[in-house]
Amino acid sequence: TGDARPHVVIAMNFAPPMFGQPSLLSQ
């Protein structure tokens, strides 16, 4: 129906990176 592409959001609660440091994730 026209431009009705699905819009999906994923949300997590990871700690934000510290200033100047990479944002590394655990396994």
PDB file of all heavy atoms in Angstrom:
ATOM      1  N   THR A   1       0.847  -1.195   0.000  1.00  0.00           N
ATOM      2  CA  THR A   1       0.000   0.000   0.000  1.00  0.00           C
ATOM      3  C   THR A   1       0.882   1.244   0.000  1.00  0.00           C
ATOM      4  O   THR A   1       1.082   1.874   1.024  1.00  0.00           O
ATOM      5  CB  THR A   1      -0.938   0.015   1.221  1.00  0.00           C
ATOM      6  OG1 THR A   1      -0.125  -0.055   2.391  1.00  0.00           O
ATOM      7  CG2 THR A   1      -1.898  -1.147   1.191  1.00  0.00           C
ATOM      8  N   GLY A   2       1.445   1.553  -1.151  1.00  0.00           N
ATOM      9  CA  GLY A   2       2.295   2.741  -1.251  1.00  0.00           C
ATOM     10  C   GLY A   2       3.658   2.489  -0.644  1.00  0.00           C
ATOM     11  O   GLY A   2       4.259   1.451  -0.838  1.00  0.00           O
ATOM     12  N   ASP A   3       4.159   3.435   0.122  1.00  0.00           N
ATOM     13  CA  ASP A   3       5.477   3.331   0.741  1.00  0.00           C
ATOM     14  C   ASP A   3       5.320   2.845   2.174  1.00  0.00           C
ATOM     15  O   ASP A   3       5.533   3.584   3.122  1.00  0.00           O
ATOM     16  CB  ASP A   3       6.183   4.686   0.695  1.00  0.00           C
ATOM     17  CG  ASP A   3       7.609   4.588   1.203  1.00  0.00           C
ATOM     18  OD1 ASP A   3       8.192   3.501   1.128  1.00  0.00           O
ATOM     19  OD2 ASP A   3       8.116   5.613   1.675  1.00  0.00           O
ATOM     20  N   ALA A   4       4.927   1.599   2.338  1.00  0.00           N
ATOM     21  CA  ALA A   4       4.648   1.060   3.668  1.00  0.00           C
ATOM     22  C   ALA A   4       5.656  -0.011   4.043  1.00  0.00           C
ATOM     23  O   ALA A   4       5.300  -1.123   4.379  1.00  0.00           O
ATOM     24  CB  ALA A   4       3.228   0.510   3.714  1.00  0.00           C
ATOM     25  N   ARG A   5       6.924   0.319   3.956  1.00  0.00           N
ATOM     26  CA  ARG A   5       7.952  -0.620   4.381  1.00  0.00           C
ATOM     27  C   ARG A   5       7.907  -0.763   5.894  1.00  0.00           C
ATOM     28  O   ARG A   5       7.634   0.204   6.606  1.00  0.00           O
ATOM     29  CB  ARG A   5       9.323  -0.120   3.943  1.00  0.00           C
ATOM     30  CG  ARG A   5       9.474  -0.096   2.426  1.00  0.00           C
ATOM     31  CD  ARG A   5      10.729   0.611   2.053  1.00  0.00           C
ATOM     32  NE  ARG A   5      10.508   2.047   2.312  1.00  0.00           N
ATOM     33  CZ  ARG A   5      11.327   2.998   1.935  1.00  0.00           C
ATOM     34  NH1 ARG A   5      12.437   2.687   1.323  1.00  0.00           N
ATOM     35  NH2 ARG A   5      11.062   4.255   2.177  1.00  0.00           N
ATOM     36  N   PRO A   6       8.173  -1.971   6.411  1.00  0.00           N
ATOM     37  CA  PRO A   6       8.147  -2.141   7.868  1.00  0.00           C
ATOM     38  C   PRO A   6       9.271  -1.361   8.538  1.00  0.00           C
ATOM     39  O   PRO A   6      10.370  -1.240   7.999  1.00  0.00           O
ATOM     40  CB  PRO A   6       8.328  -3.645   8.061  1.00  0.00           C
ATOM     41  CG  PRO A   6       8.877  -4.157   6.789  1.00  0.00           C
ATOM     42  CD  PRO A   6       8.454  -3.225   5.716  1.00  0.00           C
ATOM     43  N   HIS A   7       8.964  -0.834   9.693  1.00  0.00           N
ATOM     44  CA  HIS A   7       9.944  -0.139  10.529  1.00  0.00           C
ATOM     45  C   HIS A   7      10.054  -0.937  11.824  1.00  0.00           C
ATOM     46  O   HIS A   7       9.063  -1.137  12.514  1.00  0.00           O
ATOM     47  CB  HIS A   7       9.498   1.285  10.838  1.00  0.00           C
ATOM     48  CG  HIS A   7       9.470   2.172   9.645  1.00  0.00           C
ATOM     49  ND1 HIS A   7       9.566   3.540   9.761  1.00  0.00           N
ATOM     50  CD2 HIS A   7       9.364   1.928   8.324  1.00  0.00           C
ATOM     51  CE1 HIS A   7       9.518   4.094   8.561  1.00  0.00           C
ATOM     52  NE2 HIS A   7       9.394   3.124   7.682  1.00  0.00           N
ATOM     53  N   VAL A   8      11.272  -1.384  12.137  1.00  0.00           N
ATOM     54  CA  VAL A   8      11.503  -2.254  13.281  1.00  0.00           C
ATOM     55  C   VAL A   8      12.569  -1.624  14.168  1.00  0.00           C
ATOM     56  O   VAL A   8      13.541  -1.054  13.675  1.00  0.00           O
ATOM     57  CB  VAL A   8      11.956  -3.654  12.802  1.00  0.00           C
ATOM     58  CG1 VAL A   8      12.254  -4.563  13.963  1.00  0.00           C
ATOM     59  CG2 VAL A   8      10.907  -4.273  11.901  1.00  0.00           C
ATOM     60  N   VAL A   9      12.383  -1.740  15.492  1.00  0.00           N
ATOM     61  CA  VAL A   9      13.377  -1.228  16.439  1.00  0.00           C
ATOM     62  C   VAL A   9      13.838  -2.381  17.326  1.00  0.00           C
ATOM     63  O   VAL A   9      13.037  -3.222  17.723  1.00  0.00           O
ATOM     64  CB  VAL A   9      12.822  -0.066  17.291  1.00  0.00           C
ATOM     65  CG1 VAL A   9      11.638  -0.477  18.120  1.00  0.00           C
ATOM     66  CG2 VAL A   9      13.902   0.529  18.160  1.00  0.00           C
ATOM     67  N   ILE A  10      15.153  -2.440  17.564  1.00  0.00           N
ATOM     68  CA  ILE A  10      15.681  -3.342  18.586  1.00  0.00           C
ATOM     69  C   ILE A  10      16.319  -2.469  19.657  1.00  0.00           C
ATOM     70  O   ILE A  10      16.981  -1.482  19.358  1.00  0.00           O
ATOM     71  CB  ILE A  10      16.662  -4.391  18.029  1.00  0.00           C
ATOM     72  CG1 ILE A  10      17.865  -3.761  17.353  1.00  0.00           C
ATOM     73  CG2 ILE A  10      15.955  -5.361  17.111  1.00  0.00           C
ATOM     74  CD1 ILE A  10      18.948  -4.758  16.976  1.00  0.00           C
ATOM     75  N   ALA A  11      16.077  -2.835  20.901  1.00  0.00           N
ATOM     76  CA  ALA A  11      16.594  -2.053  22.031  1.00  0.00           C
ATOM     77  C   ALA A  11      17.295  -2.992  23.006  1.00  0.00           C
ATOM     78  O   ALA A  11      16.808  -4.091  23.288  1.00  0.00           O
ATOM     79  CB  ALA A  11      15.451  -1.323  22.726  1.00  0.00           C
ATOM     80  N   MET A  12      18.441  -2.566  23.465  1.00  0.00           N
ATOM     81  CA  MET A  12      19.196  -3.286  24.474  1.00  0.00           C
ATOM     82  C   MET A  12      19.594  -2.283  25.554  1.00  0.00           C
ATOM     83  O   MET A  12      19.325  -1.103  25.420  1.00  0.00           O
ATOM     84  CB  MET A  12      20.469  -3.912  23.867  1.00  0.00           C
ATOM     85  CG  MET A  12      20.242  -5.096  22.933  1.00  0.00           C
ATOM     86  SD  MET A  12      19.735  -4.703  21.258  1.00  0.00           S
ATOM     87  CE  MET A  12      20.992  -3.649  20.626  1.00  0.00           C
ATOM     88  N   ASN A  13      20.235  -2.752  26.587  1.00  0.00           N
ATOM     89  CA  ASN A  13      20.679  -1.881  27.668  1.00  0.00           C
ATOM     90  C   ASN A  13      22.165  -2.079  27.934  1.00  0.00           C
ATOM     91  O   ASN A  13      22.587  -2.372  29.049  1.00  0.00           O
ATOM     92  CB  ASN A  13      19.857  -2.141  28.935  1.00  0.00           C
ATOM     93  CG  ASN A  13      18.572  -1.372  28.925  1.00  0.00           C
ATOM     94  OD1 ASN A  13      18.591  -0.148  28.989  1.00  0.00           O
ATOM     95  ND2 ASN A  13      17.467  -2.067  28.824  1.00  0.00           N
ATOM     96  N   PHE A  14      22.971  -1.918  26.904  1.00  0.00           N
ATOM     97  CA  PHE A  14      24.418  -2.034  27.039  1.00  0.00           C
ATOM     98  C   PHE A  14      24.965  -0.734  27.622  1.00  0.00           C
ATOM     99  O   PHE A  14      24.417   0.340  27.396  1.00  0.00           O
ATOM    100  CB  PHE A  14      25.076  -2.298  25.686  1.00  0.00           C
ATOM    101  CG  PHE A  14      24.573  -3.539  24.983  1.00  0.00           C
ATOM    102  CD1 PHE A  14      24.519  -3.583  23.607  1.00  0.00           C
ATOM    103  CD2 PHE A  14      24.159  -4.652  25.686  1.00  0.00           C
ATOM    104  CE1 PHE A  14      24.076  -4.714  22.948  1.00  0.00           C
ATOM    105  CE2 PHE A  14      23.707  -5.786  25.040  1.00  0.00           C
ATOM    106  CZ  PHE A  14      23.665  -5.821  23.666  1.00  0.00           C
ATOM    107  N   ALA A  15      26.064  -0.854  28.357  1.00  0.00           N
ATOM    108  CA  ALA A  15      26.707   0.329  28.920  1.00  0.00           C
ATOM    109  C   ALA A  15      27.312   1.154  27.788  1.00  0.00           C
ATOM    110  O   ALA A  15      27.945   0.605  26.884  1.00  0.00           O
ATOM    111  CB  ALA A  15      27.793  -0.073  29.909  1.00  0.00           C
ATOM    112  N   PRO A  16      27.112   2.463  27.791  1.00  0.00           N
ATOM    113  CA  PRO A  16      27.715   3.293  26.740  1.00  0.00           C
ATOM    114  C   PRO A  16      29.233   3.310  26.883  1.00  0.00           C
ATOM    115  O   PRO A  16      29.760   3.087  27.976  1.00  0.00           O
ATOM    116  CB  PRO A  16      27.117   4.677  26.984  1.00  0.00           C
ATOM    117  CG  PRO A  16      26.609   4.658  28.362  1.00  0.00           C
ATOM    118  CD  PRO A  16      26.320   3.244  28.730  1.00  0.00           C
ATOM    119  N   PRO A  17      29.946   3.563  25.794  1.00  0.00           N
ATOM    120  CA  PRO A  17      31.411   3.577  25.875  1.00  0.00           C
ATOM    121  C   PRO A  17      31.896   4.759  26.710  1.00  0.00           C
ATOM    122  O   PRO A  17      31.273   5.801  26.776  1.00  0.00           O
ATOM    123  CB  PRO A  17      31.845   3.717  24.418  1.00  0.00           C
ATOM    124  CG  PRO A  17      30.684   4.355  23.734  1.00  0.00           C
ATOM    125  CD  PRO A  17      29.464   3.869  24.452  1.00  0.00           C
ATOM    126  N   MET A  18      33.026   4.560  27.330  1.00  0.00           N
ATOM    127  CA  MET A  18      33.684   5.646  28.062  1.00  0.00           C
ATOM    128  C   MET A  18      34.332   6.558  27.031  1.00  0.00           C
ATOM    129  O   MET A  18      34.721   6.110  25.953  1.00  0.00           O
ATOM    130  CB  MET A  18      34.743   5.093  29.015  1.00  0.00           C
ATOM    131  CG  MET A  18      34.181   4.137  30.045  1.00  0.00           C
ATOM    132  SD  MET A  18      32.990   4.953  31.078  1.00  0.00           S
ATOM    133  CE  MET A  18      33.916   5.073  32.568  1.00  0.00           C
ATOM    134  N   PHE A  19      34.466   7.818  27.353  1.00  0.00           N
ATOM    135  CA  PHE A  19      35.027   8.787  26.427  1.00  0.00           C
ATOM    136  C   PHE A  19      36.408   8.335  25.942  1.00  0.00           C
ATOM    137  O   PHE A  19      37.293   8.037  26.734  1.00  0.00           O
ATOM    138  CB  PHE A  19      35.129  10.165  27.084  1.00  0.00           C
ATOM    139  CG  PHE A  19      35.652  11.221  26.162  1.00  0.00           C
ATOM    140  CD1 PHE A  19      34.845  11.763  25.188  1.00  0.00           C
ATOM    141  CD2 PHE A  19      36.967  11.634  26.255  1.00  0.00           C
ATOM    142  CE1 PHE A  19      35.321  12.728  24.330  1.00  0.00           C
ATOM    143  CE2 PHE A  19      37.461  12.599  25.403  1.00  0.00           C
ATOM    144  CZ  PHE A  19      36.636  13.144  24.423  1.00  0.00           C
ATOM    145  N   GLY A  20      36.553   8.259  24.621  1.00  0.00           N
ATOM    146  CA  GLY A  20      37.830   7.897  24.027  1.00  0.00           C
ATOM    147  C   GLY A  20      38.134   6.409  24.021  1.00  0.00           C
ATOM    148  O   GLY A  20      39.207   6.004  23.594  1.00  0.00           O
ATOM    149  N   GLN A  21      37.212   5.577  24.497  1.00  0.00           N
ATOM    150  CA  GLN A  21      37.422   4.129  24.540  1.00  0.00           C
ATOM    151  C   GLN A  21      36.458   3.435  23.584  1.00  0.00           C
ATOM    152  O   GLN A  21      35.355   3.926  23.340  1.00  0.00           O
ATOM    153  CB  GLN A  21      37.189   3.605  25.963  1.00  0.00           C
ATOM    154  CG  GLN A  21      38.118   4.180  26.994  1.00  0.00           C
ATOM    155  CD  GLN A  21      39.552   3.752  26.750  1.00  0.00           C
ATOM    156  OE1 GLN A  21      39.830   2.615  26.428  1.00  0.00           O
ATOM    157  NE2 GLN A  21      40.473   4.705  26.878  1.00  0.00           N
ATOM    158  N   PRO A  22      36.825   2.268  23.051  1.00  0.00           N
ATOM    159  CA  PRO A  22      35.897   1.523  22.187  1.00  0.00           C
ATOM    160  C   PRO A  22      34.765   0.925  23.021  1.00  0.00           C
ATOM    161  O   PRO A  22      34.917   0.666  24.210  1.00  0.00           O
ATOM    162  CB  PRO A  22      36.772   0.437  21.580  1.00  0.00           C
ATOM    163  CG  PRO A  22      37.876   0.245  22.549  1.00  0.00           C
ATOM    164  CD  PRO A  22      38.115   1.603  23.182  1.00  0.00           C
ATOM    165  N   SER A  23      33.645   0.724  22.395  1.00  0.00           N
ATOM    166  CA  SER A  23      32.499   0.100  23.040  1.00  0.00           C
ATOM    167  C   SER A  23      32.555  -1.397  22.744  1.00  0.00           C
ATOM    168  O   SER A  23      32.148  -1.852  21.680  1.00  0.00           O
ATOM    169  CB  SER A  23      31.201   0.707  22.513  1.00  0.00           C
ATOM    170  OG  SER A  23      30.102   0.111  23.141  1.00  0.00           O
ATOM    171  N   LEU A  24      33.087  -2.165  23.677  1.00  0.00           N
ATOM    172  CA  LEU A  24      33.250  -3.604  23.490  1.00  0.00           C
ATOM    173  C   LEU A  24      32.099  -4.342  24.153  1.00  0.00           C
ATOM    174  O   LEU A  24      31.649  -3.982  25.237  1.00  0.00           O
ATOM    175  CB  LEU A  24      34.583  -4.060  24.077  1.00  0.00           C
ATOM    176  CG  LEU A  24      35.829  -3.363  23.521  1.00  0.00           C
ATOM    177  CD1 LEU A  24      37.071  -3.843  24.248  1.00  0.00           C
ATOM    178  CD2 LEU A  24      35.953  -3.596  22.027  1.00  0.00           C
ATOM    179  N   LEU A  25      31.614  -5.413  23.501  1.00  0.00           N
ATOM    180  CA  LEU A  25      30.527  -6.218  24.035  1.00  0.00           C
ATOM    181  C   LEU A  25      31.063  -7.550  24.523  1.00  0.00           C
ATOM    182  O   LEU A  25      31.983  -8.122  23.933  1.00  0.00           O
ATOM    183  CB  LEU A  25      29.470  -6.470  22.948  1.00  0.00           C
ATOM    184  CG  LEU A  25      28.792  -5.244  22.350  1.00  0.00           C
ATOM    185  CD1 LEU A  25      27.820  -5.671  21.258  1.00  0.00           C
ATOM    186  CD2 LEU A  25      28.077  -4.450  23.414  1.00  0.00           C
ATOM    187  N   SER A  26      30.458  -8.067  25.575  1.00  0.00           N
ATOM    188  CA  SER A  26      30.801  -9.402  26.058  1.00  0.00           C
ATOM    189  C   SER A  26      30.165 -10.438  25.132  1.00  0.00           C
ATOM    190  O   SER A  26      29.308 -10.114  24.294  1.00  0.00           O
ATOM    191  CB  SER A  26      30.289  -9.596  27.484  1.00  0.00           C
ATOM    192  OG  SER A  26      28.874  -9.671  27.486  1.00  0.00           O
ATOM    193  N   GLN A  27      30.551 -11.703  25.303  1.00  0.00           N
ATOM    194  CA  GLN A  27      29.964 -12.764  24.487  1.00  0.00           C
ATOM    195  C   GLN A  27      28.452 -12.850  24.726  1.00  0.00           C
ATOM    196  O   GLN A  27      27.676 -13.046  23.792  1.00  0.00           O
ATOM    197  CB  GLN A  27      30.627 -14.095  24.806  1.00  0.00           C
ATOM    198  CG  GLN A  27      30.157 -15.222  23.934  1.00  0.00           C
ATOM    199  CD  GLN A  27      30.905 -16.518  24.202  1.00  0.00           C
ATOM    200  OE1 GLN A  27      31.840 -16.557  24.991  1.00  0.00           O
ATOM    201  NE2 GLN A  27      30.489 -17.579  23.552  1.00  0.00           N
TER     202      GLN A  27
END
